[in-house]
Amino acid sequence: MENLVERYLAAWNETDAGARAKAVAELWAEDGAYTDPLAAVTGHEAIAAVIAGAQGMFPGMVFTPGEVFETHHNVARFTWHLGAPGAEPIVVGFDVAELAEDGRIQRVLGFLDKVPA
C-alpha cells in the first residue's frame, strides 16, 4: 500500500501507450474497474483508454499526489492534483481504491473536487 499512489499516478502520467498498458496490467487486476463522473470501465484496455483520454483532454499536465492518504484493510483513499508542472492544479480529485488479494487494484472510485469552469 505504501507506494500505491506513486505507482497509480505514474500510470496516469505515462504517455507511451505500450508502457502505459504495462503499468496498468501491473497495477490493476485483470477484471479491475475504474469509475468516476466521466467514465465507468472494466479491464486493462478500457482503463488504459480512459487514461489516454484524460491525457488528450489535458495535454502537458501531470498528476501529483495530494495531501490525503489513508488506508485500512484492503482499501486506500487519497487525493491527487492535475496541472502544469509546478503550477496550481486545475483539477483536484479524491479516489478510493480497493485492492484484490494479490495486491493489485480491484476497483477505483474517483471523485472530482475541482474542475475547470
N, C-alpha and C. Protein backbone atom coordinates (compact mmCIF):
# COMPACT_ATOMS: atom_id res chain seq x y z
N MET A 1 0.82 -1.20 0.00
CA MET A 1 0.00 0.00 0.00
C MET A 1 0.86 1.26 0.00
N GLU A 2 2.07 1.18 0.54
CA GLU A 2 2.84 2.40 0.75
C GLU A 2 3.20 3.13 -0.53
N ASN A 3 3.40 2.43 -1.63
CA ASN A 3 3.73 3.13 -2.87
C ASN A 3 2.59 3.06 -3.89
N LEU A 4 1.39 2.75 -3.42
CA LEU A 4 0.23 2.63 -4.31
C LEU A 4 -0.03 3.92 -5.07
N VAL A 5 -0.07 5.04 -4.37
CA VAL A 5 -0.39 6.31 -5.02
C VAL A 5 0.70 6.66 -6.03
N GLU A 6 1.94 6.45 -5.67
CA GLU A 6 3.05 6.74 -6.59
C GLU A 6 2.92 5.93 -7.88
N ARG A 7 2.66 4.64 -7.76
CA ARG A 7 2.52 3.77 -8.94
C ARG A 7 1.26 4.12 -9.73
N TYR A 8 0.18 4.42 -9.02
CA TYR A 8 -1.09 4.78 -9.65
C TYR A 8 -0.93 6.05 -10.49
N LEU A 9 -0.35 7.09 -9.90
CA LEU A 9 -0.17 8.35 -10.62
C LEU A 9 0.84 8.21 -11.75
N ALA A 10 1.84 7.35 -11.57
CA ALA A 10 2.80 7.11 -12.65
C ALA A 10 2.09 6.52 -13.87
N ALA A 11 1.12 5.63 -13.63
CA ALA A 11 0.35 5.06 -14.74
C ALA A 11 -0.45 6.16 -15.45
N TRP A 12 -1.04 7.07 -14.68
CA TRP A 12 -1.83 8.17 -15.26
C TRP A 12 -0.94 9.16 -15.99
N ASN A 13 0.33 9.23 -15.63
CA ASN A 13 1.26 10.16 -16.29
C ASN A 13 2.00 9.54 -17.46
N GLU A 14 1.90 8.24 -17.63
CA GLU A 14 2.65 7.55 -18.70
C GLU A 14 2.05 7.88 -20.06
N THR A 15 2.84 8.51 -20.93
CA THR A 15 2.35 8.92 -22.24
C THR A 15 2.60 7.89 -23.33
N ASP A 16 3.53 6.97 -23.13
CA ASP A 16 3.79 5.93 -24.11
C ASP A 16 2.73 4.83 -23.96
N ALA A 17 2.00 4.55 -25.02
CA ALA A 17 0.88 3.60 -24.95
C ALA A 17 1.31 2.21 -24.47
N GLY A 18 2.44 1.72 -24.97
CA GLY A 18 2.91 0.40 -24.55
C GLY A 18 3.30 0.36 -23.09
N ALA A 19 4.03 1.36 -22.66
CA ALA A 19 4.44 1.44 -21.25
C ALA A 19 3.23 1.64 -20.35
N ARG A 20 2.26 2.42 -20.82
CA ARG A 20 1.04 2.64 -20.04
C ARG A 20 0.26 1.33 -19.89
N ALA A 21 0.14 0.56 -20.97
CA ALA A 21 -0.56 -0.72 -20.91
C ALA A 21 0.13 -1.66 -19.92
N LYS A 22 1.44 -1.66 -19.93
CA LYS A 22 2.20 -2.50 -18.99
C LYS A 22 1.96 -2.04 -17.55
N ALA A 23 1.99 -0.73 -17.32
CA ALA A 23 1.77 -0.19 -15.97
C ALA A 23 0.37 -0.53 -15.47
N VAL A 24 -0.62 -0.41 -16.33
CA VAL A 24 -1.99 -0.74 -15.95
C VAL A 24 -2.10 -2.22 -15.61
N ALA A 25 -1.50 -3.09 -16.41
CA ALA A 25 -1.56 -4.53 -16.16
C ALA A 25 -0.87 -4.90 -14.85
N GLU A 26 0.19 -4.21 -14.52
CA GLU A 26 0.90 -4.49 -13.26
C GLU A 26 0.13 -3.96 -12.06
N LEU A 27 -0.62 -2.90 -12.24
CA LEU A 27 -1.28 -2.23 -11.13
C LEU A 27 -2.69 -2.74 -10.87
N TRP A 28 -3.45 -3.05 -11.92
CA TRP A 28 -4.85 -3.47 -11.78
C TRP A 28 -5.00 -4.98 -11.98
N ALA A 29 -5.95 -5.57 -11.27
CA ALA A 29 -6.37 -6.95 -11.52
C ALA A 29 -6.94 -7.03 -12.94
N GLU A 30 -6.95 -8.22 -13.53
CA GLU A 30 -7.44 -8.37 -14.91
C GLU A 30 -8.85 -7.83 -15.07
N ASP A 31 -9.69 -8.05 -14.06
CA ASP A 31 -11.07 -7.57 -14.14
C ASP A 31 -11.25 -6.30 -13.31
N GLY A 32 -10.17 -5.57 -13.11
CA GLY A 32 -10.21 -4.33 -12.34
C GLY A 32 -11.12 -3.31 -12.99
N ALA A 33 -11.67 -2.44 -12.16
CA ALA A 33 -12.63 -1.45 -12.65
C ALA A 33 -12.22 -0.05 -12.22
N TYR A 34 -12.61 0.92 -13.03
CA TYR A 34 -12.38 2.33 -12.74
C TYR A 34 -13.68 3.08 -13.01
N THR A 35 -14.13 3.86 -12.02
CA THR A 35 -15.36 4.63 -12.16
C THR A 35 -15.14 6.03 -11.63
N ASP A 36 -15.50 7.03 -12.42
CA ASP A 36 -15.52 8.42 -11.97
C ASP A 36 -16.71 9.09 -12.65
N PRO A 37 -16.94 10.38 -12.44
CA PRO A 37 -18.12 11.01 -13.06
C PRO A 37 -18.14 10.96 -14.59
N LEU A 38 -16.98 10.72 -15.22
CA LEU A 38 -16.90 10.73 -16.68
C LEU A 38 -16.74 9.36 -17.30
N ALA A 39 -16.48 8.33 -16.50
CA ALA A 39 -16.19 7.01 -17.05
C ALA A 39 -16.58 5.91 -16.07
N ALA A 40 -16.91 4.76 -16.62
CA ALA A 40 -17.15 3.54 -15.83
C ALA A 40 -16.70 2.39 -16.71
N VAL A 41 -15.49 1.86 -16.44
CA VAL A 41 -14.91 0.84 -17.31
C VAL A 41 -14.34 -0.31 -16.49
N THR A 42 -14.17 -1.43 -17.17
CA THR A 42 -13.59 -2.62 -16.57
C THR A 42 -12.56 -3.20 -17.52
N GLY A 43 -11.45 -3.66 -16.98
CA GLY A 43 -10.41 -4.31 -17.77
C GLY A 43 -9.27 -3.38 -18.13
N HIS A 44 -8.13 -4.00 -18.37
CA HIS A 44 -6.90 -3.25 -18.63
C HIS A 44 -7.00 -2.31 -19.83
N GLU A 45 -7.50 -2.81 -20.94
CA GLU A 45 -7.57 -1.98 -22.15
C GLU A 45 -8.45 -0.75 -21.94
N ALA A 46 -9.59 -0.95 -21.30
CA ALA A 46 -10.52 0.16 -21.08
C ALA A 46 -9.93 1.18 -20.10
N ILE A 47 -9.25 0.71 -19.06
CA ILE A 47 -8.63 1.63 -18.10
C ILE A 47 -7.53 2.43 -18.79
N ALA A 48 -6.70 1.77 -19.58
CA ALA A 48 -5.64 2.47 -20.32
C ALA A 48 -6.23 3.49 -21.28
N ALA A 49 -7.38 3.17 -21.88
CA ALA A 49 -8.04 4.11 -22.80
C ALA A 49 -8.56 5.34 -22.05
N VAL A 50 -9.09 5.16 -20.85
CA VAL A 50 -9.54 6.29 -20.05
C VAL A 50 -8.36 7.19 -19.71
N ILE A 51 -7.24 6.60 -19.35
CA ILE A 51 -6.04 7.38 -19.04
C ILE A 51 -5.59 8.16 -20.27
N ALA A 52 -5.57 7.51 -21.43
CA ALA A 52 -5.18 8.19 -22.67
C ALA A 52 -6.14 9.34 -22.97
N GLY A 53 -7.42 9.13 -22.71
CA GLY A 53 -8.41 10.18 -22.93
C GLY A 53 -8.17 11.38 -22.02
N ALA A 54 -7.83 11.13 -20.77
CA ALA A 54 -7.55 12.23 -19.84
C ALA A 54 -6.32 13.00 -20.30
N GLN A 55 -5.32 12.28 -20.78
CA GLN A 55 -4.11 12.94 -21.28
C GLN A 55 -4.43 13.79 -22.51
N GLY A 56 -5.34 13.32 -23.34
CA GLY A 56 -5.74 14.09 -24.51
C GLY A 56 -6.51 15.35 -24.15
N MET A 57 -7.28 15.28 -23.08
CA MET A 57 -8.05 16.44 -22.62
C MET A 57 -7.16 17.49 -21.96
N PHE A 58 -6.05 17.03 -21.35
CA PHE A 58 -5.17 17.91 -20.59
C PHE A 58 -3.72 17.71 -21.00
N PRO A 59 -3.38 18.01 -22.26
CA PRO A 59 -2.02 17.76 -22.73
C PRO A 59 -0.97 18.55 -21.94
N GLY A 60 0.11 17.89 -21.62
CA GLY A 60 1.21 18.52 -20.90
C GLY A 60 1.00 18.63 -19.40
N MET A 61 -0.17 18.24 -18.93
CA MET A 61 -0.46 18.29 -17.50
C MET A 61 0.03 17.00 -16.83
N VAL A 62 0.32 17.07 -15.53
CA VAL A 62 0.77 15.90 -14.80
C VAL A 62 -0.04 15.72 -13.52
N PHE A 63 -0.20 14.47 -13.15
CA PHE A 63 -0.86 14.12 -11.90
C PHE A 63 0.19 14.07 -10.79
N THR A 64 -0.13 14.66 -9.65
CA THR A 64 0.74 14.63 -8.48
C THR A 64 -0.09 14.26 -7.26
N PRO A 65 0.55 13.71 -6.24
CA PRO A 65 -0.20 13.35 -5.03
C PRO A 65 -0.75 14.58 -4.32
N GLY A 66 -1.91 14.42 -3.72
CA GLY A 66 -2.49 15.47 -2.89
C GLY A 66 -2.06 15.30 -1.45
N GLU A 67 -2.84 15.86 -0.56
CA GLU A 67 -2.48 15.88 0.85
C GLU A 67 -2.98 14.67 1.63
N VAL A 68 -4.01 13.98 1.15
CA VAL A 68 -4.64 12.91 1.91
C VAL A 68 -4.19 11.55 1.40
N PHE A 69 -3.80 10.68 2.32
CA PHE A 69 -3.56 9.26 2.02
C PHE A 69 -3.83 8.48 3.29
N GLU A 70 -4.84 7.64 3.26
CA GLU A 70 -5.19 6.80 4.40
C GLU A 70 -5.53 5.40 3.90
N THR A 71 -5.27 4.42 4.74
CA THR A 71 -5.59 3.04 4.38
C THR A 71 -6.19 2.31 5.58
N HIS A 72 -6.96 1.31 5.28
CA HIS A 72 -7.37 0.30 6.25
C HIS A 72 -7.77 -0.94 5.47
N HIS A 73 -7.55 -2.06 6.06
CA HIS A 73 -7.82 -3.35 5.43
C HIS A 73 -7.20 -3.35 4.03
N ASN A 74 -8.01 -3.54 3.02
CA ASN A 74 -7.51 -3.55 1.64
C ASN A 74 -8.00 -2.33 0.86
N VAL A 75 -8.21 -1.21 1.57
CA VAL A 75 -8.77 -0.01 0.96
C VAL A 75 -7.86 1.19 1.22
N ALA A 76 -7.69 2.02 0.20
CA ALA A 76 -6.93 3.26 0.34
C ALA A 76 -7.76 4.40 -0.21
N ARG A 77 -7.63 5.56 0.43
CA ARG A 77 -8.24 6.77 -0.12
C ARG A 77 -7.16 7.82 -0.19
N PHE A 78 -7.20 8.59 -1.28
CA PHE A 78 -6.13 9.57 -1.48
C PHE A 78 -6.61 10.68 -2.41
N THR A 79 -5.97 11.82 -2.28
CA THR A 79 -6.25 12.94 -3.16
C THR A 79 -5.12 13.07 -4.17
N TRP A 80 -5.43 13.72 -5.27
CA TRP A 80 -4.44 13.96 -6.32
C TRP A 80 -4.74 15.30 -6.98
N HIS A 81 -3.73 15.82 -7.65
CA HIS A 81 -3.85 17.09 -8.36
C HIS A 81 -3.45 16.87 -9.81
N LEU A 82 -4.02 17.65 -10.71
CA LEU A 82 -3.64 17.64 -12.12
C LEU A 82 -3.40 19.07 -12.54
N GLY A 83 -2.22 19.31 -13.12
CA GLY A 83 -1.90 20.65 -13.59
C GLY A 83 -0.56 20.68 -14.27
N ALA A 84 -0.17 21.86 -14.72
CA ALA A 84 1.14 22.05 -15.32
C ALA A 84 2.19 21.85 -14.23
N PRO A 85 3.32 21.26 -14.58
CA PRO A 85 4.36 21.04 -13.56
C PRO A 85 4.70 22.34 -12.82
N GLY A 86 4.65 22.28 -11.49
CA GLY A 86 5.00 23.42 -10.66
C GLY A 86 3.93 24.49 -10.53
N ALA A 87 2.80 24.32 -11.18
CA ALA A 87 1.74 25.33 -11.16
C ALA A 87 0.58 24.88 -10.27
N GLU A 88 -0.31 25.80 -9.99
CA GLU A 88 -1.53 25.49 -9.24
C GLU A 88 -2.34 24.45 -10.03
N PRO A 89 -2.86 23.40 -9.38
CA PRO A 89 -3.63 22.40 -10.11
C PRO A 89 -4.93 22.97 -10.66
N ILE A 90 -5.31 22.50 -11.84
CA ILE A 90 -6.58 22.91 -12.41
C ILE A 90 -7.68 21.90 -12.11
N VAL A 91 -7.26 20.66 -11.76
CA VAL A 91 -8.20 19.62 -11.35
C VAL A 91 -7.69 19.02 -10.04
N VAL A 92 -8.60 18.79 -9.11
CA VAL A 92 -8.28 18.12 -7.85
C VAL A 92 -9.27 16.99 -7.69
N GLY A 93 -8.76 15.81 -7.36
CA GLY A 93 -9.64 14.66 -7.21
C GLY A 93 -9.37 13.88 -5.95
N PHE A 94 -10.28 12.97 -5.68
CA PHE A 94 -10.24 12.13 -4.49
C PHE A 94 -10.63 10.73 -4.94
N ASP A 95 -9.74 9.76 -4.78
CA ASP A 95 -10.02 8.40 -5.21
C ASP A 95 -10.02 7.44 -4.03
N VAL A 96 -10.82 6.39 -4.17
CA VAL A 96 -10.84 5.29 -3.22
C VAL A 96 -10.50 4.04 -4.02
N ALA A 97 -9.45 3.33 -3.58
CA ALA A 97 -9.01 2.13 -4.27
C ALA A 97 -9.20 0.91 -3.37
N GLU A 98 -9.78 -0.13 -3.93
CA GLU A 98 -9.93 -1.39 -3.22
C GLU A 98 -8.97 -2.39 -3.88
N LEU A 99 -8.15 -3.04 -3.06
CA LEU A 99 -7.17 -3.97 -3.59
C LEU A 99 -7.69 -5.40 -3.58
N ALA A 100 -7.29 -6.15 -4.60
CA ALA A 100 -7.59 -7.58 -4.68
C ALA A 100 -6.63 -8.33 -3.75
N GLU A 101 -6.85 -9.61 -3.58
CA GLU A 101 -6.00 -10.42 -2.71
C GLU A 101 -4.54 -10.43 -3.16
N ASP A 102 -4.29 -10.29 -4.47
CA ASP A 102 -2.92 -10.31 -4.96
C ASP A 102 -2.21 -8.95 -4.84
N GLY A 103 -2.89 -7.96 -4.24
CA GLY A 103 -2.29 -6.65 -4.03
C GLY A 103 -2.52 -5.67 -5.16
N ARG A 104 -3.08 -6.13 -6.27
CA ARG A 104 -3.39 -5.21 -7.36
C ARG A 104 -4.75 -4.56 -7.12
N ILE A 105 -5.00 -3.48 -7.83
CA ILE A 105 -6.25 -2.75 -7.67
C ILE A 105 -7.40 -3.54 -8.28
N GLN A 106 -8.45 -3.72 -7.48
CA GLN A 106 -9.67 -4.35 -7.97
C GLN A 106 -10.66 -3.31 -8.48
N ARG A 107 -10.70 -2.17 -7.75
CA ARG A 107 -11.67 -1.15 -8.12
C ARG A 107 -11.20 0.21 -7.64
N VAL A 108 -11.41 1.23 -8.46
CA VAL A 108 -11.18 2.61 -8.07
C VAL A 108 -12.48 3.38 -8.28
N LEU A 109 -12.85 4.12 -7.26
CA LEU A 109 -13.98 5.03 -7.34
C LEU A 109 -13.41 6.43 -7.24
N GLY A 110 -13.56 7.22 -8.30
CA GLY A 110 -12.96 8.54 -8.36
C GLY A 110 -14.00 9.65 -8.26
N PHE A 111 -13.60 10.72 -7.59
CA PHE A 111 -14.45 11.90 -7.43
C PHE A 111 -13.65 13.12 -7.85
N LEU A 112 -14.30 14.07 -8.48
CA LEU A 112 -13.67 15.30 -8.93
C LEU A 112 -14.11 16.44 -8.01
N ASP A 113 -13.17 16.96 -7.23
CA ASP A 113 -13.48 18.03 -6.27
C ASP A 113 -13.34 19.40 -6.88
N LYS A 114 -12.46 19.56 -7.86
CA LYS A 114 -12.25 20.85 -8.52
C LYS A 114 -12.01 20.57 -10.00
N VAL A 115 -12.77 21.22 -10.86
CA VAL A 115 -12.62 21.07 -12.30
C VAL A 115 -12.65 22.45 -12.96
N PRO A 116 -12.06 22.56 -14.13
CA PRO A 116 -12.09 23.86 -14.83
C PRO A 116 -13.53 24.26 -15.16
N ALA A 117 -13.80 25.54 -15.14
CA ALA A 117 -15.13 26.05 -15.45
C ALA A 117 -15.46 25.89 -16.92
